[in-house]
Amino acid sequence: MEVELFAGTEAHDSPTPDPESGRFDVFEKVGRLEWDTLLFFYGAMMGIGGLGFIGYLDTASQLLGKYQPRR
């Protein structure tokens, strides 16, 4: 069950490591990744990093800090 959550349902279809060598083929696992999802999150992190670099996030947090809800 946990493997399916991480690697999807096709994780059970992958060949097992060679019992003689005992090696795990990481290149096969990387080749099966969902690249569109990974690139989306990479782009989101780069965008947020860029906004932080130019100071937009700091300005937005200062503006939001001025308007605290009344208690």
N, C-alpha and C. Protein backbone atom coordinates (compact mmCIF):
# COMPACT_ATOMS: atom_id res chain seq x y z
N MET A 1 0.82 -1.19 0.00
CA MET A 1 0.00 0.00 0.00
C MET A 1 0.86 1.26 0.00
N GLU A 2 1.88 1.32 0.85
CA GLU A 2 2.72 2.51 0.92
C GLU A 2 3.48 2.73 -0.37
N VAL A 3 3.89 1.64 -1.02
CA VAL A 3 4.62 1.76 -2.28
C VAL A 3 3.73 2.36 -3.35
N GLU A 4 2.45 1.98 -3.37
CA GLU A 4 1.54 2.51 -4.36
C GLU A 4 1.32 4.01 -4.17
N LEU A 5 1.30 4.47 -2.93
CA LEU A 5 1.13 5.89 -2.68
C LEU A 5 2.32 6.68 -3.19
N PHE A 6 3.51 6.11 -3.09
CA PHE A 6 4.71 6.83 -3.51
C PHE A 6 5.01 6.66 -4.99
N ALA A 7 4.94 5.45 -5.48
CA ALA A 7 5.38 5.18 -6.84
C ALA A 7 4.25 4.88 -7.81
N GLY A 8 3.01 4.82 -7.36
CA GLY A 8 1.90 4.52 -8.24
C GLY A 8 1.65 3.03 -8.34
N THR A 9 0.62 2.68 -9.08
CA THR A 9 0.24 1.27 -9.17
C THR A 9 1.20 0.46 -10.01
N GLU A 10 1.97 1.09 -10.88
CA GLU A 10 2.90 0.34 -11.72
C GLU A 10 4.17 -0.05 -10.98
N ALA A 11 4.27 0.28 -9.70
CA ALA A 11 5.46 -0.09 -8.93
C ALA A 11 5.59 -1.60 -8.79
N HIS A 12 4.46 -2.29 -8.78
CA HIS A 12 4.51 -3.75 -8.66
C HIS A 12 4.91 -4.41 -9.97
N ASP A 13 4.80 -3.68 -11.08
CA ASP A 13 5.15 -4.24 -12.38
C ASP A 13 6.63 -4.14 -12.68
N SER A 14 7.36 -3.39 -11.88
CA SER A 14 8.78 -3.21 -12.15
C SER A 14 9.54 -4.48 -11.80
N PRO A 15 10.58 -4.77 -12.56
CA PRO A 15 11.35 -5.97 -12.27
C PRO A 15 12.09 -5.84 -10.95
N THR A 16 12.26 -6.96 -10.30
CA THR A 16 12.99 -6.97 -9.04
C THR A 16 14.48 -6.89 -9.30
N PRO A 17 15.25 -6.43 -8.33
CA PRO A 17 16.70 -6.38 -8.53
C PRO A 17 17.26 -7.78 -8.75
N ASP A 18 18.36 -7.82 -9.43
CA ASP A 18 19.02 -9.09 -9.68
C ASP A 18 19.47 -9.68 -8.35
N PRO A 19 18.99 -10.88 -7.99
CA PRO A 19 19.35 -11.43 -6.68
C PRO A 19 20.83 -11.70 -6.53
N GLU A 20 21.53 -11.94 -7.64
CA GLU A 20 22.96 -12.22 -7.53
C GLU A 20 23.74 -10.95 -7.20
N SER A 21 23.41 -9.85 -7.87
CA SER A 21 24.15 -8.62 -7.61
C SER A 21 23.56 -7.83 -6.46
N GLY A 22 22.24 -7.95 -6.23
CA GLY A 22 21.59 -7.23 -5.15
C GLY A 22 21.51 -5.74 -5.39
N ARG A 23 21.63 -5.30 -6.63
CA ARG A 23 21.62 -3.87 -6.95
C ARG A 23 20.21 -3.38 -7.23
N PHE A 24 20.01 -2.13 -6.94
CA PHE A 24 18.75 -1.45 -7.19
C PHE A 24 19.00 -0.48 -8.34
N ASP A 25 18.23 -0.59 -9.41
CA ASP A 25 18.45 0.25 -10.59
C ASP A 25 17.72 1.58 -10.42
N VAL A 26 18.44 2.60 -9.94
CA VAL A 26 17.85 3.90 -9.70
C VAL A 26 17.47 4.59 -11.01
N PHE A 27 18.17 4.31 -12.10
CA PHE A 27 17.87 4.96 -13.37
C PHE A 27 16.52 4.50 -13.91
N GLU A 28 16.16 3.27 -13.64
CA GLU A 28 14.84 2.79 -14.06
C GLU A 28 13.74 3.50 -13.27
N LYS A 29 13.95 3.70 -11.99
CA LYS A 29 12.96 4.40 -11.16
C LYS A 29 12.83 5.86 -11.57
N VAL A 30 13.93 6.53 -11.85
CA VAL A 30 13.89 7.92 -12.28
C VAL A 30 13.20 8.05 -13.63
N GLY A 31 13.39 7.07 -14.49
CA GLY A 31 12.74 7.09 -15.80
C GLY A 31 11.24 6.96 -15.73
N ARG A 32 10.71 6.45 -14.62
CA ARG A 32 9.26 6.27 -14.48
C ARG A 32 8.60 7.42 -13.72
N LEU A 33 9.33 8.44 -13.35
CA LEU A 33 8.75 9.55 -12.61
C LEU A 33 7.79 10.35 -13.47
N GLU A 34 6.86 11.01 -12.83
CA GLU A 34 5.95 11.91 -13.53
C GLU A 34 6.61 13.28 -13.61
N TRP A 35 7.24 13.55 -14.73
CA TRP A 35 8.04 14.75 -14.88
C TRP A 35 7.22 16.02 -14.90
N ASP A 36 5.98 15.95 -15.40
CA ASP A 36 5.18 17.16 -15.43
C ASP A 36 4.88 17.66 -14.03
N THR A 37 4.63 16.77 -13.10
CA THR A 37 4.38 17.17 -11.71
C THR A 37 5.64 17.73 -11.07
N LEU A 38 6.77 17.06 -11.29
CA LEU A 38 8.03 17.54 -10.72
C LEU A 38 8.41 18.91 -11.27
N LEU A 39 8.22 19.10 -12.56
CA LEU A 39 8.56 20.40 -13.15
C LEU A 39 7.61 21.49 -12.69
N PHE A 40 6.35 21.15 -12.42
CA PHE A 40 5.42 22.15 -11.88
C PHE A 40 5.91 22.65 -10.53
N PHE A 41 6.27 21.72 -9.63
CA PHE A 41 6.72 22.14 -8.31
C PHE A 41 8.08 22.84 -8.38
N TYR A 42 8.93 22.43 -9.30
CA TYR A 42 10.21 23.12 -9.49
C TYR A 42 9.96 24.56 -9.93
N GLY A 43 9.04 24.74 -10.86
CA GLY A 43 8.71 26.09 -11.33
C GLY A 43 8.07 26.93 -10.24
N ALA A 44 7.22 26.31 -9.42
CA ALA A 44 6.61 27.04 -8.32
C ALA A 44 7.67 27.50 -7.32
N MET A 45 8.61 26.64 -7.00
CA MET A 45 9.67 27.01 -6.06
C MET A 45 10.58 28.10 -6.64
N MET A 46 10.86 27.99 -7.94
CA MET A 46 11.69 29.03 -8.57
C MET A 46 10.95 30.37 -8.59
N GLY A 47 9.64 30.33 -8.84
CA GLY A 47 8.85 31.56 -8.85
C GLY A 47 8.80 32.20 -7.47
N ILE A 48 8.58 31.41 -6.44
CA ILE A 48 8.54 31.93 -5.09
C ILE A 48 9.92 32.45 -4.68
N GLY A 49 10.96 31.73 -5.08
CA GLY A 49 12.32 32.21 -4.80
C GLY A 49 12.62 33.52 -5.50
N GLY A 50 12.14 33.66 -6.73
CA GLY A 50 12.33 34.91 -7.46
C GLY A 50 11.60 36.07 -6.82
N LEU A 51 10.37 35.81 -6.37
CA LEU A 51 9.62 36.87 -5.69
C LEU A 51 10.29 37.27 -4.38
N GLY A 52 10.84 36.30 -3.68
CA GLY A 52 11.58 36.62 -2.46
C GLY A 52 12.86 37.39 -2.75
N PHE A 53 13.51 37.05 -3.86
CA PHE A 53 14.77 37.71 -4.22
C PHE A 53 14.56 39.19 -4.56
N ILE A 54 13.47 39.50 -5.25
CA ILE A 54 13.24 40.90 -5.62
C ILE A 54 12.55 41.70 -4.52
N GLY A 55 12.18 41.02 -3.42
CA GLY A 55 11.64 41.72 -2.27
C GLY A 55 10.13 41.80 -2.22
N TYR A 56 9.45 41.17 -3.14
CA TYR A 56 8.00 41.26 -3.17
C TYR A 56 7.37 40.56 -1.96
N LEU A 57 7.89 39.43 -1.55
CA LEU A 57 7.32 38.72 -0.42
C LEU A 57 7.48 39.50 0.88
N ASP A 58 8.59 40.17 1.04
CA ASP A 58 8.81 40.99 2.23
C ASP A 58 7.82 42.16 2.26
N THR A 59 7.63 42.80 1.12
CA THR A 59 6.68 43.91 1.05
C THR A 59 5.26 43.44 1.32
N ALA A 60 4.89 42.31 0.75
CA ALA A 60 3.54 41.79 0.96
C ALA A 60 3.32 41.42 2.42
N SER A 61 4.33 40.84 3.07
CA SER A 61 4.16 40.47 4.48
C SER A 61 4.07 41.72 5.37
N GLN A 62 4.80 42.77 5.03
CA GLN A 62 4.70 44.01 5.81
C GLN A 62 3.33 44.65 5.63
N LEU A 63 2.80 44.63 4.42
CA LEU A 63 1.47 45.19 4.19
C LEU A 63 0.39 44.39 4.91
N LEU A 64 0.50 43.07 4.89
CA LEU A 64 -0.47 42.25 5.59
C LEU A 64 -0.34 42.37 7.11
N GLY A 65 0.85 42.67 7.58
CA GLY A 65 1.06 42.85 9.02
C GLY A 65 0.39 44.09 9.55
N LYS A 66 0.17 45.09 8.70
CA LYS A 66 -0.50 46.32 9.12
C LYS A 66 -1.98 46.10 9.36
N TYR A 67 -2.55 45.15 8.65
CA TYR A 67 -3.99 44.94 8.72
C TYR A 67 -4.32 43.68 9.50
N GLN A 68 -4.01 43.70 10.78
CA GLN A 68 -4.32 42.56 11.63
C GLN A 68 -5.79 42.62 12.03
N PRO A 69 -6.41 41.47 12.18
CA PRO A 69 -7.83 41.48 12.57
C PRO A 69 -8.03 42.01 13.98
N ARG A 70 -9.17 42.65 14.19
CA ARG A 70 -9.49 43.19 15.51
C ARG A 70 -9.92 42.07 16.44
N ARG A 71 -9.58 42.22 17.70
CA ARG A 71 -9.94 41.19 18.68
C ARG A 71 -11.01 41.68 19.60
